[in-house]
C-alpha atoms as a PDB file:
ATOM      1  CA  MET A   1      41.487  23.283 -33.206  1.00  0.00           C
ATOM      2  CA  GLN A   2      40.880  21.684 -29.829  1.00  0.00           C
ATOM      3  CA  PHE A   3      42.827  23.383 -27.092  1.00  0.00           C
ATOM      4  CA  PRO A   4      45.006  20.760 -25.746  1.00  0.00           C
ATOM      5  CA  GLU A   5      44.911  19.547 -21.943  1.00  0.00           C
ATOM      6  CA  LEU A   6      48.360  19.299 -20.503  1.00  0.00           C
ATOM      7  CA  GLU A   7      49.028  17.463 -16.807  1.00  0.00           C
ATOM      8  CA  THR A   8      52.356  16.755 -15.233  1.00  0.00           C
ATOM      9  CA  SER A   9      52.932  16.519 -11.576  1.00  0.00           C
ATOM     10  CA  ARG A  10      53.081  20.106 -11.030  1.00  0.00           C
ATOM     11  CA  LEU A  11      51.150  21.431 -13.457  1.00  0.00           C
ATOM     12  CA  ILE A  12      47.415  21.158 -15.322  1.00  0.00           C
ATOM     13  CA  LEU A  13      46.637  23.532 -18.289  1.00  0.00           C
ATOM     14  CA  ASN A  14      43.285  23.220 -19.556  1.00  0.00           C
ATOM     15  CA  LYS A  15      40.893  25.584 -21.557  1.00  0.00           C
ATOM     16  CA  LEU A  16      39.744  28.793 -20.045  1.00  0.00           C
ATOM     17  CA  SER A  17      35.932  28.992 -19.070  1.00  0.00           C
ATOM     18  CA  LYS A  18      33.485  31.495 -18.162  1.00  0.00           C
ATOM     19  CA  SER A  19      34.266  30.622 -14.691  1.00  0.00           C
ATOM     20  CA  ASP A  20      37.373  31.936 -15.312  1.00  0.00           C
ATOM     21  CA  GLY A  21      36.308  35.273 -15.978  1.00  0.00           C
ATOM     22  CA  GLN A  22      36.908  36.769 -12.319  1.00  0.00           C
ATOM     23  CA  ALA A  23      40.261  34.863 -12.018  1.00  0.00           C
ATOM     24  CA  LEU A  24      41.429  36.409 -15.483  1.00  0.00           C
ATOM     25  CA  LEU A  25      40.092  39.791 -14.574  1.00  0.00           C
ATOM     26  CA  ASP A  26      42.145  39.843 -10.944  1.00  0.00           C
ATOM     27  CA  ILE A  27      45.265  39.276 -13.282  1.00  0.00           C
ATOM     28  CA  PHE A  28      44.623  41.927 -16.267  1.00  0.00           C
ATOM     29  CA  THR A  29      43.479  44.562 -13.834  1.00  0.00           C
ATOM     30  CA  ASP A  30      47.245  44.464 -12.624  1.00  0.00           C
ATOM     31  CA  GLU A  31      49.303  47.265 -14.416  1.00  0.00           C
ATOM     32  CA  ASN A  32      52.355  45.265 -14.327  1.00  0.00           C
ATOM     33  CA  VAL A  33      51.043  42.376 -16.302  1.00  0.00           C
ATOM     34  CA  VAL A  34      49.334  44.546 -19.068  1.00  0.00           C
ATOM     35  CA  ARG A  35      52.622  46.536 -19.426  1.00  0.00           C
ATOM     36  CA  TYR A  36      54.106  43.146 -21.506  1.00  0.00           C
ATOM     37  CA  TYR A  37      50.875  43.012 -23.541  1.00  0.00           C
ATOM     38  CA  ASP A  38      49.158  45.193 -26.225  1.00  0.00           C
ATOM     39  CA  ILE A  39      45.741  46.352 -24.281  1.00  0.00           C
ATOM     40  CA  ASP A  40      44.976  47.965 -21.480  1.00  0.00           C
ATOM     41  CA  VAL A  41      43.981  47.259 -18.022  1.00  0.00           C
ATOM     42  CA  PHE A  42      40.657  45.540 -17.957  1.00  0.00           C
ATOM     43  CA  ASN A  43      37.870  47.297 -15.954  1.00  0.00           C
ATOM     44  CA  SER A  44      35.235  44.985 -16.195  1.00  0.00           C
ATOM     45  CA  GLU A  45      34.570  41.038 -16.046  1.00  0.00           C
ATOM     46  CA  LYS A  46      33.143  41.519 -19.365  1.00  0.00           C
ATOM     47  CA  GLN A  47      36.333  41.983 -20.952  1.00  0.00           C
ATOM     48  CA  SER A  48      37.713  39.136 -19.680  1.00  0.00           C
ATOM     49  CA  LEU A  49      34.469  36.920 -20.652  1.00  0.00           C
ATOM     50  CA  GLU A  50      35.456  38.244 -24.293  1.00  0.00           C
ATOM     51  CA  LEU A  51      38.997  37.501 -24.158  1.00  0.00           C
ATOM     52  CA  ILE A  52      37.594  33.608 -23.009  1.00  0.00           C
ATOM     53  CA  ASP A  53      35.600  33.726 -25.620  1.00  0.00           C
ATOM     54  CA  PHE A  54      38.377  34.580 -28.405  1.00  0.00           C
ATOM     55  CA  PHE A  55      40.354  31.520 -27.331  1.00  0.00           C
END
């Protein structure tokens, strides 16, 4: 299955890439973000890269 790329005048949604690793780490190190996920707070970029590989 190929990830859909969606674009509107206010939003561009595209597939995550390895270059998104640091941004994903910044998001998932926030306890307020992971509170609603069934995961622990990230503590390394390796974890964000593994999440990208998962998708």
